[in-house]
Protein backbone atom coordinates (compact mmCIF):
# COMPACT_ATOMS: atom_id res chain seq x y z
CA MET A 1 24.27 1.37 8.63
CA ASN A 2 22.64 -1.43 10.81
CA ILE A 3 19.17 -1.59 9.71
CA ILE A 4 16.17 -1.62 12.48
CA LEU A 5 13.28 -3.03 10.40
CA PHE A 6 10.03 -2.47 10.95
CA ALA A 7 7.91 -4.84 9.38
CA PRO A 8 4.36 -7.21 9.60
CA PRO A 9 4.55 -10.65 9.13
CA LYS A 10 3.01 -10.66 5.49
CA ILE A 11 5.85 -8.50 4.22
CA LEU A 12 7.97 -10.74 5.76
CA PHE A 13 6.47 -14.44 4.36
CA GLN A 14 7.20 -12.44 0.74
CA HIS A 15 10.70 -13.27 0.83
CA SER A 16 13.68 -15.56 2.09
CA VAL A 17 16.18 -15.76 4.52
CA LYS A 18 19.16 -14.71 1.91
CA ASP A 19 16.84 -11.88 0.57
CA TRP A 20 16.73 -10.49 3.98
CA LEU A 21 19.91 -10.99 5.14
CA ASP A 22 21.37 -9.66 1.55
CA ALA A 23 19.13 -6.38 2.09
CA ILE A 24 19.43 -6.13 5.69
CA GLY A 25 22.52 -7.15 5.96
CA PRO A 26 23.45 -9.55 9.55
CA ASP A 27 23.97 -7.36 12.52
CA GLY A 28 20.03 -5.94 10.87
CA VAL A 29 17.46 -6.64 13.40
CA ILE A 30 13.57 -7.28 12.51
CA LEU A 31 10.59 -6.33 15.06
CA THR A 32 6.90 -7.52 13.94
CA CYS A 33 3.79 -8.57 14.93
CA ALA A 34 3.93 -12.04 17.59
CA SER A 35 0.68 -13.10 16.24
CA ALA A 36 2.94 -15.01 13.12
CA LYS A 37 5.34 -15.96 15.71
CA ASP A 38 5.78 -20.02 15.64
CA GLU A 39 5.02 -19.62 11.66
CA LEU A 40 7.95 -16.90 11.34
CA ALA A 41 10.11 -19.35 13.45
CA ARG A 42 9.38 -22.08 10.79
CA HIS A 43 9.94 -19.81 8.11
CA PHE A 44 13.43 -18.34 8.74
CA PRO A 45 14.33 -21.58 11.45
CA GLU A 46 18.17 -19.74 11.50
CA GLY A 47 19.81 -16.42 10.34
CA LEU A 48 17.13 -13.49 11.36
CA ASP A 49 17.13 -11.55 14.23
CA ILE A 50 13.36 -11.29 14.51
CA ARG A 51 12.09 -9.45 17.55
CA VAL A 52 8.48 -9.65 18.36
CA PHE A 53 6.01 -8.02 20.04
CA GLN A 54 2.58 -7.85 21.50
CA ASN A 55 -0.65 -6.35 19.35
CA PHE A 56 2.89 -5.11 17.21
CA ASN A 57 0.63 -2.52 15.01
CA ASP A 58 -1.06 -0.29 18.43
CA SER A 59 1.91 -0.76 20.76
CA ALA A 60 3.70 1.62 22.20
CA GLU A 61 6.83 -0.66 23.64
CA VAL A 62 7.89 -0.42 19.77
CA GLU A 63 9.59 2.98 19.92
CA VAL A 64 11.44 2.41 23.27
CA ALA A 65 12.35 -1.11 21.98
CA ALA A 66 14.00 0.03 19.09
CA ILE A 67 15.64 2.84 20.78
CA ASP A 68 17.28 0.16 23.32
CA ILE A 69 17.77 -2.29 20.25
CA ALA A 70 20.09 0.87 18.55
CA GLN A 71 21.95 1.31 21.48
CA SER A 72 23.76 -2.07 20.99
CA LEU A 73 23.79 -1.13 17.09
CA LYS A 74 26.73 0.75 15.42
CA ASN A 75 25.27 3.29 12.72
CA PRO A 76 22.28 2.39 13.45
CA ILE A 77 18.63 3.62 11.47
CA CYS A 78 15.15 2.22 11.73
CA VAL A 79 13.12 1.52 8.60
CA ALA A 80 9.72 0.38 6.96
CA LEU A 81 8.42 -0.95 5.00
CA ALA A 82 4.43 -0.17 6.02
CA GLU A 83 2.26 2.12 6.54
CA ILE A 84 1.47 1.94 10.07
CA ASP A 85 5.15 2.24 10.86
CA VAL A 86 6.07 5.32 9.10
CA LEU A 87 5.96 7.39 12.05
CA ARG A 88 6.89 5.44 14.33
CA ALA A 89 10.61 4.87 12.04
CA ALA A 90 11.19 8.14 11.53
CA ARG A 91 9.99 8.90 15.10
CA VAL A 92 12.73 6.96 16.23
CA ASN A 93 15.83 8.32 13.79
CA ASP A 94 14.85 11.55 15.53
CA TYR A 95 15.19 10.38 18.43
CA LEU A 96 18.77 9.09 18.11
CA GLY A 97 20.14 11.79 16.17
CA VAL A 98 19.92 10.00 12.53
CA SER A 99 17.16 12.58 10.97
CA GLU A 100 15.86 15.27 11.42
CA ASN A 101 12.51 16.12 11.81
CA ALA A 102 11.35 13.34 9.35
CA ALA A 103 8.93 12.87 11.35
CA THR A 104 7.48 16.37 10.79
CA GLN A 105 8.18 15.95 7.20
CA LEU A 106 6.60 12.47 6.96
CA GLU A 107 3.15 13.22 8.57
CA LEU A 108 2.42 14.80 5.57
CA TYR A 109 2.58 11.45 3.64
CA ARG A 110 -0.12 10.01 6.23
CA ASP A 111 -2.42 13.38 7.15
CA LYS A 112 -4.75 13.05 4.09
CA TYR A 113 -5.52 16.90 5.29
CA ALA A 114 -2.37 18.38 5.24
CA MET A 115 -0.97 16.05 2.05
CA LYS A 116 -4.05 17.90 0.19
CA ILE A 117 -3.71 21.42 1.24
CA ARG A 118 0.51 21.30 0.40
CA ALA A 119 -0.42 19.87 -2.94
CA GLY A 120 -3.00 22.52 -3.50
CA ASP A 121 -1.51 25.20 -2.51
CA ALA A 122 1.31 24.43 -4.92
CA GLY A 123 -1.30 24.23 -7.62
CA LEU A 124 -2.22 20.05 -7.79
CA PRO A 125 -6.51 20.03 -7.90
CA VAL A 126 -6.98 18.29 -4.82
CA SER A 127 -11.72 17.74 -4.21
CA GLU A 128 -13.04 20.00 -2.05
CA MET A 129 -12.60 19.16 1.58
CA ALA A 130 -12.88 19.81 5.45
CA ILE A 131 -12.01 18.55 8.94
CA VAL A 132 -14.46 16.68 10.22
CA ARG A 133 -15.70 17.79 14.45
CA SER A 134 -19.31 17.16 14.63
CA ALA A 135 -22.07 15.97 12.28
CA ILE A 136 -23.22 19.82 12.18
CA ASP A 137 -19.54 19.94 9.80
CA ILE A 138 -21.00 17.01 7.80
CA ARG A 139 -24.54 18.13 6.87
CA SER A 140 -22.69 22.69 6.19
CA PHE A 141 -20.49 20.34 3.92
CA ILE A 142 -23.13 18.57 1.51
CA ASP A 143 -25.24 21.83 2.39
CA GLU A 144 -22.79 23.23 0.47
CA SER A 145 -21.70 20.87 -1.95
CA GLY A 146 -24.05 18.27 -2.61
CA TYR A 147 -24.12 14.14 -2.96
CA PRO A 148 -22.29 12.23 -2.88
CA VAL A 149 -19.32 12.63 -0.30
CA VAL A 150 -16.69 10.52 1.24
CA LEU A 151 -16.05 10.17 4.88
CA LYS A 152 -12.74 9.25 6.20
CA PRO A 153 -9.66 8.77 8.92
CA ARG A 154 -7.26 11.46 8.19
CA ASP A 155 -4.31 9.14 8.73
CA GLY A 156 -6.18 5.80 7.37
CA ARG A 157 -4.84 2.68 5.54
CA GLY A 158 -6.12 -0.02 3.43
CA SER A 159 -9.18 2.02 2.77
CA ASN A 160 -10.06 1.05 6.62
CA GLY A 161 -12.92 3.49 7.90
CA VAL A 162 -13.66 4.89 4.27
CA CYS A 163 -16.93 5.32 3.55
CA VAL A 164 -18.87 6.59 0.62
CA ILE A 165 -21.78 8.29 1.62
CA ARG A 166 -24.80 9.02 -1.43
CA ASP A 167 -28.05 10.99 -0.06
CA ASP A 168 -29.92 11.40 3.50
CA ALA A 169 -30.61 7.23 4.10
CA ASP A 170 -26.33 6.83 4.09
CA LEU A 171 -25.99 9.76 6.24
CA ALA A 172 -27.65 8.60 9.11
CA GLY A 173 -26.74 5.07 8.73
CA TRP A 174 -23.04 6.45 9.51
CA LEU A 175 -23.94 8.48 12.40
CA THR A 176 -25.51 5.79 14.00
CA GLN A 177 -22.90 3.70 13.85
CA GLN A 178 -20.62 6.60 15.87
CA ASP A 179 -19.61 6.30 19.28
CA GLY A 180 -19.97 9.93 19.91
CA SER A 181 -21.53 13.44 19.46
CA THR A 182 -17.39 14.98 18.47
CA PHE A 183 -15.50 13.59 15.82
CA TYR A 184 -11.38 12.32 16.02
CA ASN A 185 -9.55 12.05 13.26
CA THR A 186 -12.29 12.69 10.33
CA MET A 187 -12.06 13.92 6.49
CA ILE A 188 -14.82 14.64 4.21
CA GLU A 189 -14.41 15.93 0.97
CA ARG A 190 -16.48 15.98 -2.62
CA PHE A 191 -16.68 12.70 -3.93
CA VAL A 192 -14.41 12.30 -7.89
CA ALA A 193 -15.82 10.93 -10.39
CA GLY A 194 -13.18 9.06 -13.07
CA ASP A 195 -10.99 6.66 -13.67
CA HIS A 196 -8.36 5.33 -11.06
CA TYR A 197 -4.60 4.91 -11.25
CA ILE A 198 -2.42 3.59 -8.68
CA VAL A 199 1.53 4.57 -9.16
CA ASN A 200 4.43 3.09 -7.46
CA GLY A 201 7.71 3.97 -7.18
CA LEU A 202 11.17 3.73 -5.96
CA TYR A 203 13.49 7.10 -5.82
CA VAL A 204 17.46 6.45 -4.13
CA ALA A 205 19.60 9.21 -3.14
CA GLY A 206 17.72 11.43 -5.15
CA ARG A 207 17.24 9.49 -8.11
CA PRO A 208 14.12 7.72 -10.13
CA ILE A 209 14.78 4.13 -10.28
CA VAL A 210 11.07 3.24 -11.12
CA ILE A 211 8.03 4.94 -11.97
CA SER A 212 5.24 2.62 -12.51
CA PRO A 213 1.40 4.26 -13.05
CA VAL A 214 -1.12 1.30 -13.50
CA ARG A 215 -4.85 1.15 -14.05
CA VAL A 216 -7.22 0.29 -11.58
CA LEU A 217 -10.39 -2.23 -12.94
CA THR A 218 -12.21 -2.40 -9.46
CA SER A 219 -11.53 0.05 -6.54
CA ALA A 220 -10.37 -0.90 -3.46
CA LEU A 221 -13.76 -0.63 -2.08
CA ASP A 222 -15.39 -2.26 -4.19
CA PHE A 223 -12.34 -4.94 -2.67
CA LEU A 224 -13.09 -4.39 0.78
CA GLY A 225 -17.11 -5.30 -0.61
CA GLY A 226 -16.03 -8.10 -1.87
CA ARG A 227 -15.30 -8.08 -5.40
CA SER A 228 -11.33 -9.09 -7.02
CA HIS A 229 -9.06 -5.63 -6.81
CA ASP A 230 -7.47 -6.08 -10.23
CA LEU A 231 -5.38 -3.11 -12.03
CA HIS A 232 -2.77 -3.63 -15.21
CA MET A 233 0.08 -1.40 -16.98
CA LEU A 234 -0.68 1.14 -19.10
CA GLU A 235 1.38 0.75 -22.82
CA SER A 236 4.26 3.00 -23.83
CA THR A 237 2.09 4.45 -26.23
CA THR A 238 -0.56 5.35 -23.65
CA LEU A 239 -0.56 9.00 -23.29
CA MET A 240 -1.87 8.90 -19.50
CA ARG A 241 1.64 6.88 -18.99
CA ASP A 242 3.71 9.83 -19.50
CA ARG A 243 1.38 12.25 -18.24
CA LEU A 244 1.65 10.75 -14.41
CA VAL A 245 5.22 10.22 -14.47
CA ALA A 246 5.29 13.50 -14.95
CA TYR A 247 3.23 14.26 -12.40
CA SER A 248 4.49 12.17 -10.17
CA ARG A 249 8.00 13.43 -10.32
CA ARG A 250 6.82 16.75 -9.72
CA LEU A 251 4.64 15.96 -6.29
CA VAL A 252 7.51 13.76 -4.97
CA GLU A 253 10.42 16.12 -5.66
CA GLU A 254 9.27 19.17 -6.00
CA VAL A 255 6.04 19.56 -4.10
CA MET A 256 5.98 16.99 -0.95
CA PRO A 257 9.29 16.50 1.93
CA SER A 258 10.43 13.81 0.52
CA PRO A 259 13.38 11.28 1.69
CA ARG A 260 16.41 11.18 -1.00
CA THR A 261 16.06 7.09 -1.09
CA MET A 262 12.16 6.19 -0.81
CA LEU A 263 9.17 3.99 -2.04
CA PHE A 264 6.32 5.45 -2.70
CA HIS A 265 2.05 4.67 -3.08
CA LEU A 266 0.03 7.87 -5.03
CA GLU A 267 -3.54 6.92 -6.43
CA VAL A 268 -5.49 9.43 -8.61
CA PHE A 269 -8.45 9.95 -9.86
CA VAL A 270 -8.81 11.35 -14.24
CA GLY A 271 -11.81 13.55 -14.41
CA ALA A 272 -13.89 13.25 -17.80
CA ASP A 273 -12.20 16.47 -18.59
CA GLY A 274 -8.28 14.61 -17.96
CA THR A 275 -7.59 16.77 -15.20
CA ILE A 276 -5.33 14.65 -12.10
CA ILE A 277 -6.56 14.47 -8.87
CA LEU A 278 -4.45 13.40 -6.52
CA GLY A 279 -6.43 10.62 -3.82
CA GLU A 280 -3.11 10.47 -1.74
CA ILE A 281 0.09 9.68 -1.91
CA ALA A 282 1.93 7.28 0.98
CA SER A 283 5.47 6.73 1.89
CA ARG A 284 5.96 3.68 1.00
CA LEU A 285 4.87 0.76 -1.49
CA GLY A 286 1.65 -0.20 -2.48
CA GLY A 287 0.39 -3.07 -0.24
CA VAL A 288 -1.02 -6.35 -2.25
CA PHE A 289 1.49 -7.61 -5.07
CA PHE A 290 2.51 -4.53 -5.59
CA ASN A 291 6.13 -5.54 -4.67
CA GLN A 292 6.03 -8.71 -6.99
CA GLU A 293 4.13 -6.52 -10.00
CA LEU A 294 7.22 -4.26 -10.21
CA THR A 295 10.05 -6.92 -9.63
CA GLU A 296 8.28 -8.95 -12.50
CA ALA A 297 8.00 -6.08 -14.62
CA TRP A 298 10.75 -3.51 -13.82
CA GLY A 299 13.39 -7.25 -13.16
CA LEU A 300 14.42 -4.89 -10.18
CA ASP A 301 13.03 -5.74 -6.58
CA PRO A 302 12.17 -2.15 -5.34
CA ARG A 303 11.87 -3.40 -1.74
CA MET A 304 15.30 -4.91 -1.67
CA THR A 305 16.23 -2.39 -3.11
CA TYR A 306 15.06 -0.17 -1.19
CA LEU A 307 16.78 -2.12 1.82
CA ARG A 308 20.04 -2.82 0.38
CA ALA A 309 20.60 1.75 -0.44
CA MET A 310 19.35 2.53 3.49
CA ARG A 311 22.03 -0.06 4.67
CA ASP A 312 25.14 1.41 2.20
CA PRO A 313 24.14 5.59 1.06
CA ALA A 314 26.56 4.96 -1.42
CA PHE A 315 24.57 1.81 -3.38
CA GLU A 316 23.96 1.51 -6.58
CA SER A 317 22.39 -1.44 -8.39
CA THR A 318 23.40 -1.72 -12.38
CA PRO A 319 19.59 -1.87 -13.36
CA MET A 320 18.78 1.87 -12.40
CA PRO A 321 20.43 3.31 -15.23
CA ARG A 322 18.41 1.70 -17.82
CA ALA A 323 14.88 1.05 -15.39
CA MET A 324 13.52 4.49 -16.10
CA VAL A 325 13.59 3.55 -20.26
CA GLU A 326 11.18 0.53 -20.28
CA PRO A 327 9.68 -2.45 -18.43
CA GLU A 328 10.91 -5.56 -19.65
CA ARG A 329 7.33 -6.87 -20.11
CA LEU A 330 3.74 -5.92 -19.22
CA VAL A 331 1.84 -6.97 -16.21
CA GLY A 332 -1.63 -7.50 -14.69
CA GLN A 333 -2.28 -7.86 -11.35
CA LEU A 334 -5.34 -9.85 -9.82
CA CYS A 335 -6.18 -9.98 -5.26
CA VAL A 336 -9.06 -12.10 -4.76
CA PRO A 337 -10.45 -11.23 -0.98
CA PRO A 338 -12.01 -14.39 0.95
CA ARG A 339 -16.20 -15.04 0.52
CA ALA A 340 -18.04 -14.72 4.45
CA GLY A 341 -17.58 -18.72 5.26
CA VAL A 342 -15.75 -21.94 6.29
CA LEU A 343 -13.20 -22.16 2.71
CA ARG A 344 -13.14 -26.06 1.94
CA ALA A 345 -11.23 -26.01 -0.77
CA THR A 346 -8.46 -24.82 -3.00
CA PRO A 347 -6.75 -25.49 -5.75
CA ASP A 348 -3.07 -27.31 -5.50
CA SER A 349 -1.68 -25.79 -8.68
CA CYS A 350 -2.12 -22.57 -11.27
CA PRO A 351 -2.45 -23.63 -14.91
CA PHE A 352 -1.61 -20.68 -16.81
CA ASP A 353 1.51 -20.16 -18.37
CA PHE A 354 1.06 -16.81 -18.36
CA VAL A 355 0.67 -16.27 -14.68
CA ARG A 356 4.64 -15.46 -13.52
CA ALA A 357 3.86 -15.23 -9.63
CA TYR A 358 0.63 -17.58 -7.97
CA ARG A 359 0.21 -16.95 -3.94
CA MET A 360 -1.98 -18.70 -2.10
CA SER A 361 -2.87 -17.60 1.03
CA GLY A 362 -6.28 -19.25 1.99
CA VAL A 363 -5.97 -22.17 4.45
CA ALA A 364 -8.91 -24.80 3.35
CA GLY A 365 -10.73 -25.02 6.33
CA ARG A 366 -10.62 -21.59 7.59
CA GLU A 367 -13.55 -19.15 8.68
CA TYR A 368 -13.02 -16.06 6.91
CA GLY A 369 -15.68 -12.85 7.61
CA GLN A 370 -15.30 -9.81 5.21
CA MET A 371 -12.35 -7.56 4.83
CA ALA A 372 -11.70 -5.08 7.31
CA PHE A 373 -8.28 -3.63 5.60
CA THR A 374 -6.90 -4.25 2.07
CA ASN A 375 -4.40 -6.50 2.75
CA ALA A 376 -6.55 -9.57 3.43
CA GLU A 377 -6.95 -11.38 0.71
CA ILE A 378 -6.77 -14.99 -0.17
CA LEU A 379 -4.75 -14.76 -3.84
CA ASN A 380 -2.53 -12.86 -5.17
CA ALA A 381 -1.76 -13.44 -8.66
CA ILE A 382 1.20 -11.56 -11.40
CA VAL A 383 -0.28 -12.04 -14.98
CA GLU A 384 1.85 -11.12 -18.31
CA GLY A 385 0.35 -9.79 -21.88
CA GLU A 386 1.80 -8.38 -25.01
CA SER A 387 -1.66 -5.18 -24.21
CA GLU A 388 -3.67 -4.04 -21.91
CA ALA A 389 -6.51 -6.07 -23.65
CA GLU A 390 -4.82 -8.90 -23.74
CA LEU A 391 -3.86 -8.53 -19.68
CA ARG A 392 -7.45 -7.58 -19.11
CA ALA A 393 -8.72 -10.86 -20.54
CA ARG A 394 -6.36 -12.65 -19.59
CA LEU A 395 -7.35 -11.35 -15.36
CA ARG A 396 -10.29 -12.19 -15.95
CA GLN A 397 -9.67 -15.57 -17.33
CA LEU A 398 -7.51 -16.25 -14.18
CA GLU A 399 -10.15 -14.76 -11.62
CA ASP A 400 -13.35 -17.08 -13.02
CA TRP A 401 -10.63 -19.94 -12.55
CA PHE A 402 -9.71 -19.27 -10.04
CA HIS A 403 -13.75 -18.90 -8.27
CA SER A 404 -14.48 -22.36 -10.18
CA ALA A 405 -11.74 -24.25 -8.60
CA CYS A 406 -12.16 -23.07 -4.89
CA GLN A 407 -14.94 -24.66 -2.54
CA TRP A 408 -16.82 -22.32 -0.21
CA GLU A 409 -19.24 -23.64 2.49
CA THR A 410 -21.51 -20.27 3.29
CA SER A 411 -23.63 -19.90 5.99
CA VAL A 412 -27.72 -18.65 4.93
CA ALA A 413 -26.89 -15.48 6.25
CA ALA A 414 -24.00 -14.95 4.59
């Protein structure tokens, strides 16, 4: 197959020209955003066929362009690596006859309400929820279920638009921000109090290759609010690890209409009684530094393996038979958001030998504001450790050092 890859610049920059050529092949075509055109040209001076589009995420032109590109390729297939592109690539594949009803099936990985209806019908616990079309729907739900509740887009991404409503004052504030009395694409659900876990994984030809649960220490909403996002893998003796792997397999293999070769990103909450409650599942890998986290932990790059498998249905990778047994090492992940202000200075290097991967994307002299999506952090890092406790300690040590090494100029208002 010849791949037409939908990918944002941020993902493209995480790999070399050789990585991409090995994964998508010499005839592969990459579609991405024109906002990074100059940086892409510097990072990939030759070897890759990259087509850029203005306002890529929201451009209707992209799908038609992909169809036109496909006409010049033998055995084309569209592949997406980011949530915003999953349905776009599926629609093109359906049009080309590469797939049948893929967009309809993958819609269940984007529509959180329909996703949870399906999971609930299969016997998996989900929070109480309802579709919201007006303020009356919200009021009625709260009258019956009480506070706190969560309001969010049914097809949201990166936690954008997610709001926890804890009382009447919060609700009044949220309503004043709406631009009409009729809402579109909105749902409400009871807030789930419990421990937060994420599971990322890779399937090839229907076979689970990597399923990797992590404990989330700081939520995505707190991350958007300015706190560092940190998480770590679970020790082999932690019973929750096996429960999460089993839950993930049931959801992917039995409940959802899953492609045989796919990446997935699952978020769940575990209540005080041990009940696993579905947050959401997406047909793509998690953002921030999850691909690097899995690569460092399992010795296998899930993103590149996925692309090779999509290009060659007969593809098999040597590590696959043993990848599900145990990771090579325990790792944790730290993502630091920007502050509101001008970043004046950043550290030249990281002094800790327990840091296995380190990406400084903050630019000295640039002015930053609060993040709107959970993909605008200024630092990503992967640490290793012998235990969950050591991982937590090292994540704190790294974060404290990084904050002390950065210099910010903030306004009084910030």
